[in-house]
Amino acid sequence: MNSLLFLQNLNGWEWVFILAAILLLFGGKKIPELMKGIGKGIRGFKDGMKGIEEDINSDEKSK
């Protein structure tokens, strides 16, 4: 967590430069694909956590 403290000190223009660099590196077509992949990964993680929680609750009820 301490390694992300530098993000608090960034101003508006610094964010613009960072986003422009990302756009140049990945290109306009790759960014939506990247965000879609991240969204699918988060959704899969949440579904997995929900499944584990349901398994735990069903085990407790069967006792």
N, C-alpha and C. Protein backbone atom coordinates (compact mmCIF):
# COMPACT_ATOMS: atom_id res chain seq x y z
N MET A 1 0.83 -1.19 0.00
CA MET A 1 0.00 0.00 0.00
C MET A 1 0.87 1.25 0.00
N ASN A 2 1.99 1.20 0.69
CA ASN A 2 2.87 2.37 0.76
C ASN A 2 3.46 2.71 -0.60
N SER A 3 3.56 1.73 -1.51
CA SER A 3 4.14 2.01 -2.81
C SER A 3 3.21 2.84 -3.68
N LEU A 4 1.93 2.95 -3.34
CA LEU A 4 0.97 3.73 -4.12
C LEU A 4 0.75 5.13 -3.57
N LEU A 5 1.51 5.52 -2.58
CA LEU A 5 1.33 6.84 -1.99
C LEU A 5 1.68 7.97 -2.96
N PHE A 6 2.53 7.70 -3.96
CA PHE A 6 2.89 8.75 -4.91
C PHE A 6 1.69 9.18 -5.75
N LEU A 7 0.66 8.35 -5.86
CA LEU A 7 -0.51 8.70 -6.66
C LEU A 7 -1.30 9.85 -6.05
N GLN A 8 -1.18 10.07 -4.76
CA GLN A 8 -1.90 11.16 -4.10
C GLN A 8 -1.33 12.52 -4.47
N ASN A 9 -0.09 12.57 -4.91
CA ASN A 9 0.56 13.84 -5.18
C ASN A 9 0.47 14.27 -6.64
N LEU A 10 -0.28 13.53 -7.47
CA LEU A 10 -0.36 13.86 -8.89
C LEU A 10 -1.43 14.93 -9.13
N ASN A 11 -1.09 15.92 -9.95
CA ASN A 11 -2.02 16.98 -10.32
C ASN A 11 -2.77 16.59 -11.58
N GLY A 12 -3.67 17.44 -12.03
CA GLY A 12 -4.46 17.18 -13.22
C GLY A 12 -3.64 16.99 -14.48
N TRP A 13 -2.64 17.86 -14.69
CA TRP A 13 -1.83 17.76 -15.90
C TRP A 13 -0.97 16.49 -15.89
N GLU A 14 -0.54 16.07 -14.75
CA GLU A 14 0.26 14.85 -14.68
C GLU A 14 -0.57 13.64 -15.07
N TRP A 15 -1.84 13.64 -14.65
CA TRP A 15 -2.75 12.56 -15.06
C TRP A 15 -2.96 12.58 -16.57
N VAL A 16 -3.06 13.76 -17.15
CA VAL A 16 -3.23 13.87 -18.60
C VAL A 16 -2.02 13.28 -19.32
N PHE A 17 -0.83 13.57 -18.85
CA PHE A 17 0.38 13.02 -19.47
C PHE A 17 0.45 11.50 -19.31
N ILE A 18 0.08 11.01 -18.16
CA ILE A 18 0.08 9.56 -17.93
C ILE A 18 -0.92 8.88 -18.86
N LEU A 19 -2.12 9.44 -18.96
CA LEU A 19 -3.14 8.84 -19.83
C LEU A 19 -2.73 8.92 -21.30
N ALA A 20 -2.09 10.00 -21.69
CA ALA A 20 -1.60 10.12 -23.07
C ALA A 20 -0.52 9.08 -23.35
N ALA A 21 0.35 8.84 -22.40
CA ALA A 21 1.40 7.83 -22.58
C ALA A 21 0.78 6.44 -22.71
N ILE A 22 -0.23 6.15 -21.91
CA ILE A 22 -0.91 4.86 -22.01
C ILE A 22 -1.58 4.72 -23.37
N LEU A 23 -2.22 5.79 -23.83
CA LEU A 23 -2.86 5.77 -25.15
C LEU A 23 -1.85 5.53 -26.26
N LEU A 24 -0.68 6.14 -26.15
CA LEU A 24 0.35 5.93 -27.16
C LEU A 24 0.92 4.52 -27.11
N LEU A 25 1.08 3.97 -25.93
CA LEU A 25 1.65 2.63 -25.79
C LEU A 25 0.70 1.54 -26.28
N PHE A 26 -0.56 1.63 -25.91
CA PHE A 26 -1.51 0.56 -26.21
C PHE A 26 -2.35 0.84 -27.45
N GLY A 27 -2.51 2.08 -27.82
CA GLY A 27 -3.33 2.41 -28.98
C GLY A 27 -4.80 2.50 -28.60
N GLY A 28 -5.56 3.18 -29.42
CA GLY A 28 -6.97 3.41 -29.14
C GLY A 28 -7.82 2.16 -29.19
N LYS A 29 -7.43 1.18 -30.01
CA LYS A 29 -8.23 -0.04 -30.14
C LYS A 29 -8.00 -1.03 -29.00
N LYS A 30 -6.84 -1.01 -28.43
CA LYS A 30 -6.49 -1.99 -27.39
C LYS A 30 -7.05 -1.61 -26.01
N ILE A 31 -7.25 -0.34 -25.75
CA ILE A 31 -7.69 0.09 -24.42
C ILE A 31 -9.08 -0.45 -24.09
N PRO A 32 -10.09 -0.38 -24.98
CA PRO A 32 -11.39 -0.98 -24.64
C PRO A 32 -11.30 -2.49 -24.42
N GLU A 33 -10.46 -3.16 -25.21
CA GLU A 33 -10.28 -4.59 -25.01
C GLU A 33 -9.64 -4.88 -23.66
N LEU A 34 -8.69 -4.05 -23.27
CA LEU A 34 -8.03 -4.20 -21.98
C LEU A 34 -9.02 -4.00 -20.83
N MET A 35 -9.85 -2.96 -20.93
CA MET A 35 -10.84 -2.69 -19.89
C MET A 35 -11.89 -3.80 -19.83
N LYS A 36 -12.27 -4.33 -20.98
CA LYS A 36 -13.23 -5.43 -21.02
C LYS A 36 -12.65 -6.67 -20.32
N GLY A 37 -11.38 -6.95 -20.58
CA GLY A 37 -10.72 -8.08 -19.94
C GLY A 37 -10.63 -7.91 -18.43
N ILE A 38 -10.33 -6.69 -18.00
CA ILE A 38 -10.26 -6.41 -16.56
C ILE A 38 -11.63 -6.60 -15.93
N GLY A 39 -12.67 -6.11 -16.60
CA GLY A 39 -14.04 -6.26 -16.09
C GLY A 39 -14.44 -7.72 -15.97
N LYS A 40 -14.10 -8.52 -16.97
CA LYS A 40 -14.41 -9.95 -16.92
C LYS A 40 -13.66 -10.63 -15.78
N GLY A 41 -12.42 -10.23 -15.57
CA GLY A 41 -11.63 -10.80 -14.48
C GLY A 41 -12.22 -10.48 -13.12
N ILE A 42 -12.64 -9.24 -12.94
CA ILE A 42 -13.25 -8.84 -11.66
C ILE A 42 -14.57 -9.57 -11.46
N ARG A 43 -15.37 -9.67 -12.52
CA ARG A 43 -16.65 -10.38 -12.42
C ARG A 43 -16.43 -11.85 -12.07
N GLY A 44 -15.44 -12.48 -12.70
CA GLY A 44 -15.12 -13.87 -12.40
C GLY A 44 -14.66 -14.05 -10.96
N PHE A 45 -13.87 -13.10 -10.47
CA PHE A 45 -13.41 -13.16 -9.08
C PHE A 45 -14.59 -13.05 -8.12
N LYS A 46 -15.50 -12.12 -8.39
CA LYS A 46 -16.67 -11.95 -7.52
C LYS A 46 -17.56 -13.19 -7.55
N ASP A 47 -17.74 -13.78 -8.74
CA ASP A 47 -18.54 -15.00 -8.84
C ASP A 47 -17.90 -16.14 -8.07
N GLY A 48 -16.58 -16.23 -8.16
CA GLY A 48 -15.87 -17.26 -7.41
C GLY A 48 -16.00 -17.07 -5.91
N MET A 49 -15.89 -15.84 -5.44
CA MET A 49 -16.04 -15.57 -4.01
C MET A 49 -17.47 -15.88 -3.56
N LYS A 50 -18.44 -15.57 -4.39
CA LYS A 50 -19.84 -15.85 -4.06
C LYS A 50 -20.06 -17.36 -3.98
N GLY A 51 -19.46 -18.11 -4.89
CA GLY A 51 -19.58 -19.57 -4.87
C GLY A 51 -18.97 -20.17 -3.62
N ILE A 52 -17.81 -19.66 -3.23
CA ILE A 52 -17.16 -20.15 -2.01
C ILE A 52 -18.02 -19.84 -0.79
N GLU A 53 -18.59 -18.63 -0.76
CA GLU A 53 -19.44 -18.24 0.36
C GLU A 53 -20.67 -19.13 0.44
N GLU A 54 -21.26 -19.46 -0.70
CA GLU A 54 -22.43 -20.35 -0.72
C GLU A 54 -22.05 -21.75 -0.25
N ASP A 55 -20.88 -22.24 -0.64
CA ASP A 55 -20.42 -23.55 -0.19
C ASP A 55 -20.24 -23.56 1.33
N ILE A 56 -19.67 -22.52 1.87
CA ILE A 56 -19.46 -22.44 3.33
C ILE A 56 -20.80 -22.42 4.04
N ASN A 57 -21.73 -21.61 3.53
CA ASN A 57 -23.04 -21.53 4.17
C ASN A 57 -23.81 -22.83 4.07
N SER A 58 -23.69 -23.55 2.95
CA SER A 58 -24.40 -24.82 2.82
C SER A 58 -23.79 -25.88 3.74
N ASP A 59 -22.47 -25.83 3.96
CA ASP A 59 -21.82 -26.76 4.89
C ASP A 59 -22.28 -26.51 6.32
N GLU A 60 -22.45 -25.24 6.68
CA GLU A 60 -22.89 -24.91 8.04
C GLU A 60 -24.32 -25.35 8.26
N LYS A 61 -25.15 -25.24 7.26
CA LYS A 61 -26.56 -25.63 7.39
C LYS A 61 -26.72 -27.14 7.48
N SER A 62 -25.82 -27.89 6.84
CA SER A 62 -25.93 -29.35 6.84
C SER A 62 -25.46 -29.97 8.15
N LYS A 63 -24.81 -29.22 9.00
CA LYS A 63 -24.31 -29.76 10.28
C LYS A 63 -25.40 -29.87 11.28
